[in-house]
Amino acid sequence: MKTPVIELSDCILCEICLEECPLVFRLNDAGFIEVANLDKYPKEEVNLAIKNCPKDCIYWE
């Protein structure tokens, strides 16, 4: 199964991923974006977050 990944060193916390796919991406208590641990990730929504990320720091692994 492919899993979405965020390269935190490139992330500028624009929160577009949160808007596009709140089921998968969330802001943690430390103020960083994290990926929820799910059995299955919604491909279309994650791809939309990847496409709209201004820093291209989200990808599938």
N, C-alpha and C. Protein backbone atom coordinates (compact mmCIF):
# COMPACT_ATOMS: atom_id res chain seq x y z
N MET A 1 0.84 -1.19 0.00
CA MET A 1 0.00 0.00 0.00
C MET A 1 0.88 1.25 0.00
N LYS A 2 0.53 2.20 -0.85
CA LYS A 2 1.25 3.46 -0.87
C LYS A 2 0.75 4.35 0.26
N THR A 3 1.69 5.10 0.82
CA THR A 3 1.40 6.00 1.93
C THR A 3 1.86 7.40 1.58
N PRO A 4 1.04 8.43 1.85
CA PRO A 4 1.51 9.79 1.61
C PRO A 4 2.56 10.20 2.65
N VAL A 5 3.53 10.98 2.20
CA VAL A 5 4.62 11.44 3.05
C VAL A 5 4.77 12.93 2.86
N ILE A 6 5.12 13.63 3.94
CA ILE A 6 5.41 15.07 3.87
C ILE A 6 6.87 15.27 4.23
N GLU A 7 7.60 15.95 3.37
CA GLU A 7 8.99 16.33 3.66
C GLU A 7 8.93 17.60 4.51
N LEU A 8 9.01 17.43 5.83
CA LEU A 8 8.80 18.54 6.76
C LEU A 8 9.83 19.66 6.60
N SER A 9 11.03 19.32 6.15
CA SER A 9 12.05 20.36 5.99
C SER A 9 11.71 21.32 4.86
N ASP A 10 10.82 20.91 3.95
CA ASP A 10 10.40 21.77 2.83
C ASP A 10 9.04 22.42 3.08
N CYS A 11 8.29 21.91 4.03
CA CYS A 11 6.92 22.38 4.29
C CYS A 11 6.93 23.80 4.86
N ILE A 12 6.07 24.66 4.30
CA ILE A 12 5.97 26.05 4.77
C ILE A 12 4.69 26.28 5.58
N LEU A 13 4.00 25.20 5.93
CA LEU A 13 2.77 25.25 6.73
C LEU A 13 1.69 26.13 6.09
N CYS A 14 1.54 26.02 4.78
CA CYS A 14 0.50 26.78 4.08
C CYS A 14 -0.89 26.22 4.37
N GLU A 15 -0.95 24.96 4.80
CA GLU A 15 -2.17 24.24 5.18
C GLU A 15 -3.10 23.91 4.01
N ILE A 16 -2.60 23.98 2.79
CA ILE A 16 -3.42 23.58 1.64
C ILE A 16 -3.77 22.10 1.73
N CYS A 17 -2.84 21.29 2.21
CA CYS A 17 -3.13 19.86 2.35
C CYS A 17 -4.26 19.62 3.34
N LEU A 18 -4.34 20.44 4.38
CA LEU A 18 -5.43 20.31 5.36
C LEU A 18 -6.77 20.63 4.72
N GLU A 19 -6.77 21.63 3.84
CA GLU A 19 -8.00 22.01 3.16
C GLU A 19 -8.42 20.96 2.14
N GLU A 20 -7.46 20.43 1.40
CA GLU A 20 -7.75 19.47 0.33
C GLU A 20 -8.08 18.08 0.86
N CYS A 21 -7.46 17.68 1.95
CA CYS A 21 -7.61 16.30 2.43
C CYS A 21 -7.50 16.22 3.96
N PRO A 22 -8.49 16.76 4.68
CA PRO A 22 -8.41 16.78 6.14
C PRO A 22 -8.47 15.40 6.80
N LEU A 23 -8.94 14.40 6.08
CA LEU A 23 -8.97 13.04 6.61
C LEU A 23 -7.55 12.50 6.79
N VAL A 24 -6.65 12.91 5.92
CA VAL A 24 -5.29 12.37 5.91
C VAL A 24 -4.29 13.29 6.61
N PHE A 25 -4.39 14.58 6.35
CA PHE A 25 -3.40 15.53 6.87
C PHE A 25 -3.97 16.31 8.05
N ARG A 26 -3.13 16.51 9.06
CA ARG A 26 -3.57 17.28 10.23
C ARG A 26 -2.38 18.02 10.84
N LEU A 27 -2.69 19.03 11.62
CA LEU A 27 -1.69 19.80 12.32
C LEU A 27 -1.53 19.19 13.71
N ASN A 28 -0.32 18.77 14.06
CA ASN A 28 -0.13 18.13 15.36
C ASN A 28 0.13 19.18 16.45
N ASP A 29 0.24 18.72 17.68
CA ASP A 29 0.42 19.61 18.82
C ASP A 29 1.72 20.41 18.76
N ALA A 30 2.71 19.91 18.03
CA ALA A 30 3.99 20.60 17.90
C ALA A 30 3.97 21.65 16.79
N GLY A 31 2.83 21.71 16.05
CA GLY A 31 2.70 22.71 14.99
C GLY A 31 3.19 22.26 13.63
N PHE A 32 3.34 20.95 13.44
CA PHE A 32 3.76 20.41 12.16
C PHE A 32 2.62 19.63 11.53
N ILE A 33 2.65 19.54 10.20
CA ILE A 33 1.67 18.72 9.49
C ILE A 33 2.09 17.27 9.63
N GLU A 34 1.12 16.39 9.88
CA GLU A 34 1.41 14.97 9.94
C GLU A 34 0.37 14.20 9.15
N VAL A 35 0.71 12.97 8.80
CA VAL A 35 -0.16 12.09 8.04
C VAL A 35 -0.84 11.14 9.02
N ALA A 36 -2.16 11.05 8.93
CA ALA A 36 -2.91 10.13 9.79
C ALA A 36 -2.56 8.69 9.43
N ASN A 37 -2.60 7.82 10.40
CA ASN A 37 -2.33 6.41 10.19
C ASN A 37 -3.65 5.73 9.81
N LEU A 38 -3.84 5.51 8.51
CA LEU A 38 -5.07 4.93 8.00
C LEU A 38 -4.79 3.59 7.32
N ASP A 39 -5.81 2.75 7.23
CA ASP A 39 -5.68 1.48 6.51
C ASP A 39 -5.64 1.71 5.01
N LYS A 40 -6.35 2.75 4.56
CA LYS A 40 -6.42 3.08 3.14
C LYS A 40 -6.50 4.59 3.00
N TYR A 41 -5.76 5.14 2.05
CA TYR A 41 -5.74 6.59 1.84
C TYR A 41 -6.54 6.94 0.58
N PRO A 42 -7.36 8.00 0.65
CA PRO A 42 -8.16 8.40 -0.51
C PRO A 42 -7.26 8.98 -1.61
N LYS A 43 -7.04 8.20 -2.64
CA LYS A 43 -6.07 8.54 -3.68
C LYS A 43 -6.33 9.90 -4.33
N GLU A 44 -7.56 10.15 -4.73
CA GLU A 44 -7.88 11.40 -5.43
C GLU A 44 -7.63 12.62 -4.55
N GLU A 45 -8.03 12.57 -3.29
CA GLU A 45 -7.85 13.70 -2.39
C GLU A 45 -6.38 13.95 -2.08
N VAL A 46 -5.62 12.88 -1.86
CA VAL A 46 -4.19 13.02 -1.60
C VAL A 46 -3.50 13.59 -2.84
N ASN A 47 -3.86 13.08 -4.02
CA ASN A 47 -3.27 13.59 -5.26
C ASN A 47 -3.57 15.07 -5.45
N LEU A 48 -4.74 15.52 -5.04
CA LEU A 48 -5.09 16.93 -5.12
C LEU A 48 -4.20 17.75 -4.18
N ALA A 49 -3.96 17.25 -2.99
CA ALA A 49 -3.06 17.93 -2.05
C ALA A 49 -1.64 17.98 -2.62
N ILE A 50 -1.19 16.88 -3.22
CA ILE A 50 0.13 16.85 -3.85
C ILE A 50 0.22 17.88 -4.96
N LYS A 51 -0.79 17.91 -5.80
CA LYS A 51 -0.81 18.83 -6.95
C LYS A 51 -0.80 20.30 -6.51
N ASN A 52 -1.50 20.62 -5.43
CA ASN A 52 -1.65 22.01 -5.02
C ASN A 52 -0.61 22.48 -3.99
N CYS A 53 0.26 21.58 -3.54
CA CYS A 53 1.29 21.97 -2.58
C CYS A 53 2.29 22.90 -3.25
N PRO A 54 2.44 24.13 -2.75
CA PRO A 54 3.34 25.08 -3.41
C PRO A 54 4.83 24.72 -3.29
N LYS A 55 5.20 23.88 -2.36
CA LYS A 55 6.60 23.49 -2.16
C LYS A 55 6.89 22.07 -2.64
N ASP A 56 5.88 21.38 -3.21
CA ASP A 56 6.06 20.00 -3.69
C ASP A 56 6.69 19.11 -2.64
N CYS A 57 6.22 19.22 -1.40
CA CYS A 57 6.82 18.43 -0.33
C CYS A 57 5.97 17.23 0.08
N ILE A 58 4.91 16.94 -0.68
CA ILE A 58 4.08 15.77 -0.40
C ILE A 58 4.26 14.79 -1.55
N TYR A 59 4.43 13.51 -1.21
CA TYR A 59 4.59 12.50 -2.25
C TYR A 59 4.11 11.15 -1.71
N TRP A 60 3.95 10.20 -2.63
CA TRP A 60 3.58 8.83 -2.25
C TRP A 60 4.86 8.01 -2.03
N GLU A 61 4.82 7.16 -1.04
CA GLU A 61 5.93 6.23 -0.78
C GLU A 61 5.42 4.82 -0.84
